[in-house]
Amino acid sequence: MMKDLVANLRILAMLEGISLLLLLFIAMPLKYYQDMPEFVSVAGMLHGILFLALLVFSSMVSQKKQWSDRFWLLVVVSSMVPFATFVMDRKLKHLQENPA
């Protein structure tokens, strides 16, 4: 059961990381260089919802898996830095494959 939690967290983190990249590298340039702000509204809302879901779900997983506060914070901060989510995924994959 714990394996499934980490697998679901990895999926959610990937979706959130992709939404951040879409927002920063597609929607924002379209807004400022092509005068198309509607993409930021959609991508921004999607990213916001996924980020909040990641905060809540990662907190739940962290409590169930008894992760340190530092590691949970690292998971959250990695979701705020472009491409860092994909680096963190390697650690989460290791935790998924080797449950304590």
PDB file of N, CA and C in Angstrom:
ATOM      1  N   MET A   1       0.817  -1.198   0.000  1.00  0.00           N
ATOM      2  CA  MET A   1       0.000   0.000   0.000  1.00  0.00           C
ATOM      3  C   MET A   1       0.863   1.266   0.000  1.00  0.00           C
ATOM      4  N   MET A   2       1.934   1.270   0.766  1.00  0.00           N
ATOM      5  CA  MET A   2       2.811   2.437   0.809  1.00  0.00           C
ATOM      6  C   MET A   2       3.469   2.675  -0.547  1.00  0.00           C
ATOM      7  N   LYS A   3       3.741   1.575  -1.259  1.00  0.00           N
ATOM      8  CA  LYS A   3       4.320   1.709  -2.583  1.00  0.00           C
ATOM      9  C   LYS A   3       3.405   2.517  -3.501  1.00  0.00           C
ATOM     10  N   ASP A   4       2.102   2.268  -3.387  1.00  0.00           N
ATOM     11  CA  ASP A   4       1.132   2.966  -4.223  1.00  0.00           C
ATOM     12  C   ASP A   4       1.093   4.456  -3.914  1.00  0.00           C
ATOM     13  N   LEU A   5       1.246   4.824  -2.658  1.00  0.00           N
ATOM     14  CA  LEU A   5       1.245   6.234  -2.283  1.00  0.00           C
ATOM     15  C   LEU A   5       2.393   6.982  -2.950  1.00  0.00           C
ATOM     16  N   VAL A   6       3.571   6.416  -2.902  1.00  0.00           N
ATOM     17  CA  VAL A   6       4.731   7.072  -3.501  1.00  0.00           C
ATOM     18  C   VAL A   6       4.576   7.104  -5.027  1.00  0.00           C
ATOM     19  N   ALA A   7       4.036   6.040  -5.615  1.00  0.00           N
ATOM     20  CA  ALA A   7       3.807   6.024  -7.066  1.00  0.00           C
ATOM     21  C   ALA A   7       2.838   7.129  -7.462  1.00  0.00           C
ATOM     22  N   ASN A   8       1.777   7.295  -6.688  1.00  0.00           N
ATOM     23  CA  ASN A   8       0.813   8.360  -6.969  1.00  0.00           C
ATOM     24  C   ASN A   8       1.431   9.739  -6.767  1.00  0.00           C
ATOM     25  N   LEU A   9       2.273   9.865  -5.756  1.00  0.00           N
ATOM     26  CA  LEU A   9       2.971  11.135  -5.534  1.00  0.00           C
ATOM     27  C   LEU A   9       3.883  11.455  -6.710  1.00  0.00           C
ATOM     28  N   ARG A  10       4.565  10.446  -7.222  1.00  0.00           N
ATOM     29  CA  ARG A  10       5.452  10.664  -8.376  1.00  0.00           C
ATOM     30  C   ARG A  10       4.656  11.151  -9.586  1.00  0.00           C
ATOM     31  N   ILE A  11       3.504  10.552  -9.816  1.00  0.00           N
ATOM     32  CA  ILE A  11       2.662  10.959 -10.951  1.00  0.00           C
ATOM     33  C   ILE A  11       2.202  12.405 -10.767  1.00  0.00           C
ATOM     34  N   LEU A  12       1.709  12.718  -9.577  1.00  0.00           N
ATOM     35  CA  LEU A  12       1.247  14.078  -9.296  1.00  0.00           C
ATOM     36  C   LEU A  12       2.393  15.078  -9.438  1.00  0.00           C
ATOM     37  N   ALA A  13       3.571  14.727  -8.943  1.00  0.00           N
ATOM     38  CA  ALA A  13       4.729  15.624  -9.040  1.00  0.00           C
ATOM     39  C   ALA A  13       5.123  15.851 -10.502  1.00  0.00           C
ATOM     40  N   MET A  14       5.060  14.807 -11.312  1.00  0.00           N
ATOM     41  CA  MET A  14       5.378  14.955 -12.741  1.00  0.00           C
ATOM     42  C   MET A  14       4.387  15.889 -13.425  1.00  0.00           C
ATOM     43  N   LEU A  15       3.108  15.698 -13.148  1.00  0.00           N
ATOM     44  CA  LEU A  15       2.092  16.576 -13.734  1.00  0.00           C
ATOM     45  C   LEU A  15       2.300  18.021 -13.304  1.00  0.00           C
ATOM     46  N   GLU A  16       2.620  18.208 -12.031  1.00  0.00           N
ATOM     47  CA  GLU A  16       2.858  19.558 -11.520  1.00  0.00           C
ATOM     48  C   GLU A  16       4.108  20.167 -12.159  1.00  0.00           C
ATOM     49  N   GLY A  17       5.157  19.369 -12.302  1.00  0.00           N
ATOM     50  CA  GLY A  17       6.381  19.861 -12.933  1.00  0.00           C
ATOM     51  C   GLY A  17       6.169  20.243 -14.388  1.00  0.00           C
ATOM     52  N   ILE A  18       5.402  19.439 -15.095  1.00  0.00           N
ATOM     53  CA  ILE A  18       5.091  19.746 -16.494  1.00  0.00           C
ATOM     54  C   ILE A  18       4.249  21.012 -16.578  1.00  0.00           C
ATOM     55  N   SER A  19       3.297  21.167 -15.658  1.00  0.00           N
ATOM     56  CA  SER A  19       2.455  22.370 -15.691  1.00  0.00           C
ATOM     57  C   SER A  19       3.291  23.625 -15.428  1.00  0.00           C
ATOM     58  N   LEU A  20       4.300  23.527 -14.564  1.00  0.00           N
ATOM     59  CA  LEU A  20       5.183  24.667 -14.317  1.00  0.00           C
ATOM     60  C   LEU A  20       5.954  25.036 -15.583  1.00  0.00           C
ATOM     61  N   LEU A  21       6.473  24.026 -16.266  1.00  0.00           N
ATOM     62  CA  LEU A  21       7.211  24.292 -17.503  1.00  0.00           C
ATOM     63  C   LEU A  21       6.312  24.880 -18.578  1.00  0.00           C
ATOM     64  N   LEU A  22       5.084  24.370 -18.696  1.00  0.00           N
ATOM     65  CA  LEU A  22       4.129  24.937 -19.667  1.00  0.00           C
ATOM     66  C   LEU A  22       3.847  26.405 -19.349  1.00  0.00           C
ATOM     67  N   LEU A  23       3.669  26.683 -18.064  1.00  0.00           N
ATOM     68  CA  LEU A  23       3.383  28.055 -17.657  1.00  0.00           C
ATOM     69  C   LEU A  23       4.566  28.979 -17.955  1.00  0.00           C
ATOM     70  N   LEU A  24       5.763  28.557 -17.569  1.00  0.00           N
ATOM     71  CA  LEU A  24       6.931  29.422 -17.714  1.00  0.00           C
ATOM     72  C   LEU A  24       7.434  29.551 -19.149  1.00  0.00           C
ATOM     73  N   PHE A  25       7.426  28.443 -19.880  1.00  0.00           N
ATOM     74  CA  PHE A  25       8.088  28.448 -21.182  1.00  0.00           C
ATOM     75  C   PHE A  25       7.157  28.483 -22.387  1.00  0.00           C
ATOM     76  N   ILE A  26       5.860  28.357 -22.155  1.00  0.00           N
ATOM     77  CA  ILE A  26       4.911  28.463 -23.267  1.00  0.00           C
ATOM     78  C   ILE A  26       3.909  29.587 -23.012  1.00  0.00           C
ATOM     79  N   ALA A  27       3.185  29.505 -21.896  1.00  0.00           N
ATOM     80  CA  ALA A  27       2.126  30.480 -21.633  1.00  0.00           C
ATOM     81  C   ALA A  27       2.664  31.898 -21.418  1.00  0.00           C
ATOM     82  N   MET A  28       3.706  32.027 -20.605  1.00  0.00           N
ATOM     83  CA  MET A  28       4.242  33.370 -20.338  1.00  0.00           C
ATOM     84  C   MET A  28       4.825  34.033 -21.590  1.00  0.00           C
ATOM     85  N   PRO A  29       5.631  33.330 -22.391  1.00  0.00           N
ATOM     86  CA  PRO A  29       6.091  33.961 -23.629  1.00  0.00           C
ATOM     87  C   PRO A  29       4.948  34.330 -24.575  1.00  0.00           C
ATOM     88  N   LEU A  30       3.910  33.482 -24.631  1.00  0.00           N
ATOM     89  CA  LEU A  30       2.765  33.836 -25.468  1.00  0.00           C
ATOM     90  C   LEU A  30       2.084  35.095 -24.962  1.00  0.00           C
ATOM     91  N   LYS A  31       2.011  35.244 -23.670  1.00  0.00           N
ATOM     92  CA  LYS A  31       1.386  36.429 -23.090  1.00  0.00           C
ATOM     93  C   LYS A  31       2.172  37.688 -23.436  1.00  0.00           C
ATOM     94  N   TYR A  32       3.476  37.639 -23.246  1.00  0.00           N
ATOM     95  CA  TYR A  32       4.264  38.853 -23.393  1.00  0.00           C
ATOM     96  C   TYR A  32       4.763  39.122 -24.806  1.00  0.00           C
ATOM     97  N   TYR A  33       4.933  38.084 -25.612  1.00  0.00           N
ATOM     98  CA  TYR A  33       5.465  38.311 -26.959  1.00  0.00           C
ATOM     99  C   TYR A  33       4.414  38.219 -28.055  1.00  0.00           C
ATOM    100  N   GLN A  34       3.308  37.535 -27.773  1.00  0.00           N
ATOM    101  CA  GLN A  34       2.263  37.385 -28.782  1.00  0.00           C
ATOM    102  C   GLN A  34       0.932  38.005 -28.340  1.00  0.00           C
ATOM    103  N   ASP A  35       0.935  38.655 -27.183  1.00  0.00           N
ATOM    104  CA  ASP A  35      -0.260  39.300 -26.637  1.00  0.00           C
ATOM    105  C   ASP A  35      -1.437  38.317 -26.547  1.00  0.00           C
ATOM    106  N   MET A  36      -1.155  37.138 -25.968  1.00  0.00           N
ATOM    107  CA  MET A  36      -2.169  36.099 -25.810  1.00  0.00           C
ATOM    108  C   MET A  36      -2.248  35.693 -24.330  1.00  0.00           C
ATOM    109  N   PRO A  37      -2.856  36.537 -23.493  1.00  0.00           N
ATOM    110  CA  PRO A  37      -2.858  36.269 -22.048  1.00  0.00           C
ATOM    111  C   PRO A  37      -3.763  35.114 -21.614  1.00  0.00           C
ATOM    112  N   GLU A  38      -4.648  34.673 -22.482  1.00  0.00           N
ATOM    113  CA  GLU A  38      -5.592  33.617 -22.085  1.00  0.00           C
ATOM    114  C   GLU A  38      -4.893  32.304 -21.741  1.00  0.00           C
ATOM    115  N   PHE A  39      -3.739  32.042 -22.328  1.00  0.00           N
ATOM    116  CA  PHE A  39      -3.013  30.811 -22.018  1.00  0.00           C
ATOM    117  C   PHE A  39      -2.478  30.819 -20.589  1.00  0.00           C
ATOM    118  N   VAL A  40      -2.103  32.004 -20.106  1.00  0.00           N
ATOM    119  CA  VAL A  40      -1.612  32.104 -18.726  1.00  0.00           C
ATOM    120  C   VAL A  40      -2.755  31.822 -17.751  1.00  0.00           C
ATOM    121  N   SER A  41      -3.947  32.269 -18.069  1.00  0.00           N
ATOM    122  CA  SER A  41      -5.091  32.010 -17.194  1.00  0.00           C
ATOM    123  C   SER A  41      -5.333  30.517 -17.034  1.00  0.00           C
ATOM    124  N   VAL A  42      -5.324  29.802 -18.137  1.00  0.00           N
ATOM    125  CA  VAL A  42      -5.579  28.361 -18.105  1.00  0.00           C
ATOM    126  C   VAL A  42      -4.409  27.615 -17.464  1.00  0.00           C
ATOM    127  N   ALA A  43      -3.193  27.874 -17.953  1.00  0.00           N
ATOM    128  CA  ALA A  43      -2.016  27.172 -17.431  1.00  0.00           C
ATOM    129  C   ALA A  43      -1.764  27.540 -15.967  1.00  0.00           C
ATOM    130  N   GLY A  44      -2.007  28.795 -15.615  1.00  0.00           N
ATOM    131  CA  GLY A  44      -1.808  29.241 -14.238  1.00  0.00           C
ATOM    132  C   GLY A  44      -2.767  28.564 -13.275  1.00  0.00           C
ATOM    133  N   MET A  45      -4.025  28.457 -13.677  1.00  0.00           N
ATOM    134  CA  MET A  45      -5.002  27.793 -12.815  1.00  0.00           C
ATOM    135  C   MET A  45      -4.686  26.309 -12.678  1.00  0.00           C
ATOM    136  N   LEU A  46      -4.356  25.669 -13.775  1.00  0.00           N
ATOM    137  CA  LEU A  46      -3.998  24.256 -13.739  1.00  0.00           C
ATOM    138  C   LEU A  46      -2.788  24.034 -12.830  1.00  0.00           C
ATOM    139  N   HIS A  47      -1.775  24.857 -13.008  1.00  0.00           N
ATOM    140  CA  HIS A  47      -0.568  24.740 -12.180  1.00  0.00           C
ATOM    141  C   HIS A  47      -0.888  24.985 -10.706  1.00  0.00           C
ATOM    142  N   GLY A  48      -1.698  25.972 -10.416  1.00  0.00           N
ATOM    143  CA  GLY A  48      -2.063  26.272  -9.034  1.00  0.00           C
ATOM    144  C   GLY A  48      -2.795  25.113  -8.365  1.00  0.00           C
ATOM    145  N   ILE A  49      -3.732  24.524  -9.074  1.00  0.00           N
ATOM    146  CA  ILE A  49      -4.478  23.386  -8.534  1.00  0.00           C
ATOM    147  C   ILE A  49      -3.542  22.201  -8.294  1.00  0.00           C
ATOM    148  N   LEU A  50      -2.682  21.924  -9.271  1.00  0.00           N
ATOM    149  CA  LEU A  50      -1.744  20.811  -9.114  1.00  0.00           C
ATOM    150  C   LEU A  50      -0.747  21.068  -7.985  1.00  0.00           C
ATOM    151  N   PHE A  51      -0.305  22.300  -7.833  1.00  0.00           N
ATOM    152  CA  PHE A  51       0.632  22.622  -6.764  1.00  0.00           C
ATOM    153  C   PHE A  51      -0.014  22.431  -5.397  1.00  0.00           C
ATOM    154  N   LEU A  52      -1.235  22.918  -5.237  1.00  0.00           N
ATOM    155  CA  LEU A  52      -1.928  22.737  -3.957  1.00  0.00           C
ATOM    156  C   LEU A  52      -2.172  21.260  -3.676  1.00  0.00           C
ATOM    157  N   ALA A  53      -2.545  20.506  -4.697  1.00  0.00           N
ATOM    158  CA  ALA A  53      -2.745  19.063  -4.530  1.00  0.00           C
ATOM    159  C   ALA A  53      -1.433  18.395  -4.113  1.00  0.00           C
ATOM    160  N   LEU A  54      -0.328  18.830  -4.715  1.00  0.00           N
ATOM    161  CA  LEU A  54       0.979  18.272  -4.359  1.00  0.00           C
ATOM    162  C   LEU A  54       1.329  18.581  -2.901  1.00  0.00           C
ATOM    163  N   LEU A  55       1.056  19.801  -2.456  1.00  0.00           N
ATOM    164  CA  LEU A  55       1.327  20.167  -1.063  1.00  0.00           C
ATOM    165  C   LEU A  55       0.570  19.242  -0.105  1.00  0.00           C
ATOM    166  N   VAL A  56      -0.704  19.088  -0.348  1.00  0.00           N
ATOM    167  CA  VAL A  56      -1.541  18.280   0.542  1.00  0.00           C
ATOM    168  C   VAL A  56      -1.147  16.808   0.478  1.00  0.00           C
ATOM    169  N   PHE A  57      -1.038  16.279  -0.746  1.00  0.00           N
ATOM    170  CA  PHE A  57      -0.766  14.849  -0.891  1.00  0.00           C
ATOM    171  C   PHE A  57       0.639  14.490  -0.406  1.00  0.00           C
ATOM    172  N   SER A  58       1.616  15.337  -0.703  1.00  0.00           N
ATOM    173  CA  SER A  58       2.981  15.043  -0.232  1.00  0.00           C
ATOM    174  C   SER A  58       3.058  15.103   1.292  1.00  0.00           C
ATOM    175  N   SER A  59       2.280  15.974   1.901  1.00  0.00           N
ATOM    176  CA  SER A  59       2.230  16.031   3.360  1.00  0.00           C
ATOM    177  C   SER A  59       1.643  14.744   3.927  1.00  0.00           C
ATOM    178  N   MET A  60       0.584  14.242   3.310  1.00  0.00           N
ATOM    179  CA  MET A  60      -0.030  12.987   3.756  1.00  0.00           C
ATOM    180  C   MET A  60       0.933  11.817   3.603  1.00  0.00           C
ATOM    181  N   VAL A  61       1.597  11.746   2.438  1.00  0.00           N
ATOM    182  CA  VAL A  61       2.550  10.663   2.203  1.00  0.00           C
ATOM    183  C   VAL A  61       3.711  10.766   3.183  1.00  0.00           C
ATOM    184  N   SER A  62       4.176  11.977   3.413  1.00  0.00           N
ATOM    185  CA  SER A  62       5.293  12.199   4.329  1.00  0.00           C
ATOM    186  C   SER A  62       4.958  11.698   5.740  1.00  0.00           C
ATOM    187  N   GLN A  63       3.749  11.956   6.180  1.00  0.00           N
ATOM    188  CA  GLN A  63       3.340  11.497   7.507  1.00  0.00           C
ATOM    189  C   GLN A  63       3.234   9.974   7.553  1.00  0.00           C
ATOM    190  N   LYS A  64       2.633   9.396   6.532  1.00  0.00           N
ATOM    191  CA  LYS A  64       2.466   7.930   6.509  1.00  0.00           C
ATOM    192  C   LYS A  64       3.798   7.206   6.404  1.00  0.00           C
ATOM    193  N   LYS A  65       4.722   7.760   5.620  1.00  0.00           N
ATOM    194  CA  LYS A  65       6.036   7.131   5.422  1.00  0.00           C
ATOM    195  C   LYS A  65       7.042   7.567   6.487  1.00  0.00           C
ATOM    196  N   GLN A  66       6.635   8.501   7.344  1.00  0.00           N
ATOM    197  CA  GLN A  66       7.486   9.037   8.402  1.00  0.00           C
ATOM    198  C   GLN A  66       8.773   9.653   7.855  1.00  0.00           C
ATOM    199  N   TRP A  67       8.610  10.438   6.792  1.00  0.00           N
ATOM    200  CA  TRP A  67       9.736  11.180   6.238  1.00  0.00           C
ATOM    201  C   TRP A  67      10.049  12.340   7.173  1.00  0.00           C
ATOM    202  N   SER A  68      11.280  12.782   7.144  1.00  0.00           N
ATOM    203  CA  SER A  68      11.654  13.950   7.941  1.00  0.00           C
ATOM    204  C   SER A  68      11.006  15.195   7.335  1.00  0.00           C
ATOM    205  N   ASP A  69      10.858  16.206   8.176  1.00  0.00           N
ATOM    206  CA  ASP A  69      10.317  17.480   7.680  1.00  0.00           C
ATOM    207  C   ASP A  69      11.219  18.057   6.599  1.00  0.00           C
ATOM    208  N   ARG A  70      12.504  17.844   6.755  1.00  0.00           N
ATOM    209  CA  ARG A  70      13.477  18.352   5.778  1.00  0.00           C
ATOM    210  C   ARG A  70      13.251  17.719   4.401  1.00  0.00           C
ATOM    211  N   PHE A  71      13.031  16.397   4.377  1.00  0.00           N
ATOM    212  CA  PHE A  71      12.812  15.732   3.095  1.00  0.00           C
ATOM    213  C   PHE A  71      11.504  16.185   2.467  1.00  0.00           C
ATOM    214  N   TRP A  72      10.452  16.309   3.281  1.00  0.00           N
ATOM    215  CA  TRP A  72       9.174  16.790   2.744  1.00  0.00           C
ATOM    216  C   TRP A  72       9.344  18.198   2.157  1.00  0.00           C
ATOM    217  N   LEU A  73      10.064  19.050   2.876  1.00  0.00           N
ATOM    218  CA  LEU A  73      10.303  20.402   2.376  1.00  0.00           C
ATOM    219  C   LEU A  73      11.088  20.372   1.063  1.00  0.00           C
ATOM    220  N   LEU A  74      12.021  19.461   0.952  1.00  0.00           N
ATOM    221  CA  LEU A  74      12.782  19.310  -0.284  1.00  0.00           C
ATOM    222  C   LEU A  74      11.873  18.901  -1.448  1.00  0.00           C
ATOM    223  N   VAL A  75      10.929  18.024  -1.185  1.00  0.00           N
ATOM    224  CA  VAL A  75       9.959  17.625  -2.215  1.00  0.00           C
ATOM    225  C   VAL A  75       9.151  18.841  -2.661  1.00  0.00           C
ATOM    226  N   VAL A  76       8.687  19.628  -1.711  1.00  0.00           N
ATOM    227  CA  VAL A  76       7.877  20.806  -2.026  1.00  0.00           C
ATOM    228  C   VAL A  76       8.698  21.856  -2.778  1.00  0.00           C
ATOM    229  N   VAL A  77       9.889  22.142  -2.297  1.00  0.00           N
ATOM    230  CA  VAL A  77      10.736  23.155  -2.951  1.00  0.00           C
ATOM    231  C   VAL A  77      11.117  22.710  -4.361  1.00  0.00           C
ATOM    232  N   SER A  78      11.329  21.417  -4.545  1.00  0.00           N
ATOM    233  CA  SER A  78      11.687  20.941  -5.887  1.00  0.00           C
ATOM    234  C   SER A  78      10.555  21.178  -6.877  1.00  0.00           C
ATOM    235  N   SER A  79       9.340  21.290  -6.383  1.00  0.00           N
ATOM    236  CA  SER A  79       8.226  21.558  -7.292  1.00  0.00           C
ATOM    237  C   SER A  79       8.153  23.029  -7.696  1.00  0.00           C
ATOM    238  N   MET A  80       8.931  23.870  -7.041  1.00  0.00           N
ATOM    239  CA  MET A  80       8.921  25.303  -7.351  1.00  0.00           C
ATOM    240  C   MET A  80      10.049  25.716  -8.296  1.00  0.00           C
ATOM    241  N   VAL A  81      10.981  24.819  -8.524  1.00  0.00           N
ATOM    242  CA  VAL A  81      12.144  25.123  -9.362  1.00  0.00           C
ATOM    243  C   VAL A  81      12.006  24.357 -10.677  1.00  0.00           C
ATOM    244  N   PRO A  82      12.067  25.064 -11.806  1.00  0.00           N
ATOM    245  CA  PRO A  82      11.928  24.357 -13.083  1.00  0.00           C
ATOM    246  C   PRO A  82      12.924  23.203 -13.201  1.00  0.00           C
ATOM    247  N   PHE A  83      12.430  22.070 -13.632  1.00  0.00           N
ATOM    248  CA  PHE A  83      13.184  20.830 -13.866  1.00  0.00           C
ATOM    249  C   PHE A  83      13.597  20.102 -12.586  1.00  0.00           C
ATOM    250  N   ALA A  84      13.494  20.725 -11.415  1.00  0.00           N
ATOM    251  CA  ALA A  84      13.905  20.061 -10.173  1.00  0.00           C
ATOM    252  C   ALA A  84      12.982  18.896  -9.815  1.00  0.00           C
ATOM    253  N   THR A  85      11.734  18.981 -10.226  1.00  0.00           N
ATOM    254  CA  THR A  85      10.793  17.886  -9.970  1.00  0.00           C
ATOM    255  C   THR A  85      11.298  16.594 -10.597  1.00  0.00           C
ATOM    256  N   PHE A  86      11.897  16.702 -11.757  1.00  0.00           N
ATOM    257  CA  PHE A  86      12.357  15.511 -12.468  1.00  0.00           C
ATOM    258  C   PHE A  86      13.604  14.919 -11.803  1.00  0.00           C
ATOM    259  N   VAL A  87      14.384  15.763 -11.163  1.00  0.00           N
ATOM    260  CA  VAL A  87      15.533  15.286 -10.390  1.00  0.00           C
ATOM    261  C   VAL A  87      15.027  14.594  -9.118  1.00  0.00           C
ATOM    262  N   MET A  88      14.053  15.212  -8.455  1.00  0.00           N
ATOM    263  CA  MET A  88      13.481  14.622  -7.243  1.00  0.00           C
ATOM    264  C   MET A  88      12.800  13.290  -7.548  1.00  0.00           C
ATOM    265  N   ASP A  89      12.292  13.131  -8.740  1.00  0.00           N
ATOM    266  CA  ASP A  89      11.617  11.887  -9.103  1.00  0.00           C
ATOM    267  C   ASP A  89      12.537  10.678  -8.959  1.00  0.00           C
ATOM    268  N   ARG A  90      13.813  10.858  -9.217  1.00  0.00           N
ATOM    269  CA  ARG A  90      14.760   9.746  -9.061  1.00  0.00           C
ATOM    270  C   ARG A  90      14.803   9.275  -7.607  1.00  0.00           C
ATOM    271  N   LYS A  91      14.798  10.210  -6.673  1.00  0.00           N
ATOM    272  CA  LYS A  91      14.807   9.850  -5.253  1.00  0.00           C
ATOM    273  C   LYS A  91      13.485   9.188  -4.860  1.00  0.00           C
ATOM    274  N   LEU A  92      12.391   9.729  -5.343  1.00  0.00           N
ATOM    275  CA  LEU A  92      11.084   9.145  -5.031  1.00  0.00           C
ATOM    276  C   LEU A  92      10.954   7.747  -5.635  1.00  0.00           C
ATOM    277  N   LYS A  93      11.516   7.559  -6.811  1.00  0.00           N
ATOM    278  CA  LYS A  93      11.480   6.231  -7.440  1.00  0.00           C
ATOM    279  C   LYS A  93      12.256   5.240  -6.579  1.00  0.00           C
ATOM    280  N   HIS A  94      13.389   5.663  -6.074  1.00  0.00           N
ATOM    281  CA  HIS A  94      14.184   4.801  -5.201  1.00  0.00           C
ATOM    282  C   HIS A  94      13.386   4.435  -3.944  1.00  0.00           C
ATOM    283  N   LEU A  95      12.691   5.410  -3.361  1.00  0.00           N
ATOM    284  CA  LEU A  95      11.874   5.141  -2.180  1.00  0.00           C
ATOM    285  C   LEU A  95      10.709   4.221  -2.505  1.00  0.00           C
ATOM    286  N   GLN A  96      10.185   4.357  -3.705  1.00  0.00           N
ATOM    287  CA  GLN A  96       9.065   3.519  -4.133  1.00  0.00           C
ATOM    288  C   GLN A  96       9.525   2.071  -4.296  1.00  0.00           C
ATOM    289  N   GLU A  97      10.691   1.887  -4.874  1.00  0.00           N
ATOM    290  CA  GLU A  97      11.199   0.545  -5.134  1.00  0.00           C
ATOM    291  C   GLU A  97      11.791  -0.123  -3.900  1.00  0.00           C
ATOM    292  N   ASN A  98      12.228   0.677  -2.927  1.00  0.00           N
ATOM    293  CA  ASN A  98      12.852   0.152  -1.708  1.00  0.00           C
ATOM    294  C   ASN A  98      12.142   0.685  -0.475  1.00  0.00           C
ATOM    295  N   PRO A  99      10.933   0.228  -0.221  1.00  0.00           N
ATOM    296  CA  PRO A  99      10.218   0.754   0.957  1.00  0.00           C
ATOM    297  C   PRO A  99      10.917   0.361   2.254  1.00  0.00           C
ATOM    298  N   ALA A 100      10.882   1.264   3.183  1.00  0.00           N
ATOM    299  CA  ALA A 100      11.555   1.019   4.478  1.00  0.00           C
ATOM    300  C   ALA A 100      10.708   0.164   5.383  1.00  0.00           C
TER     301      ALA A 100
END
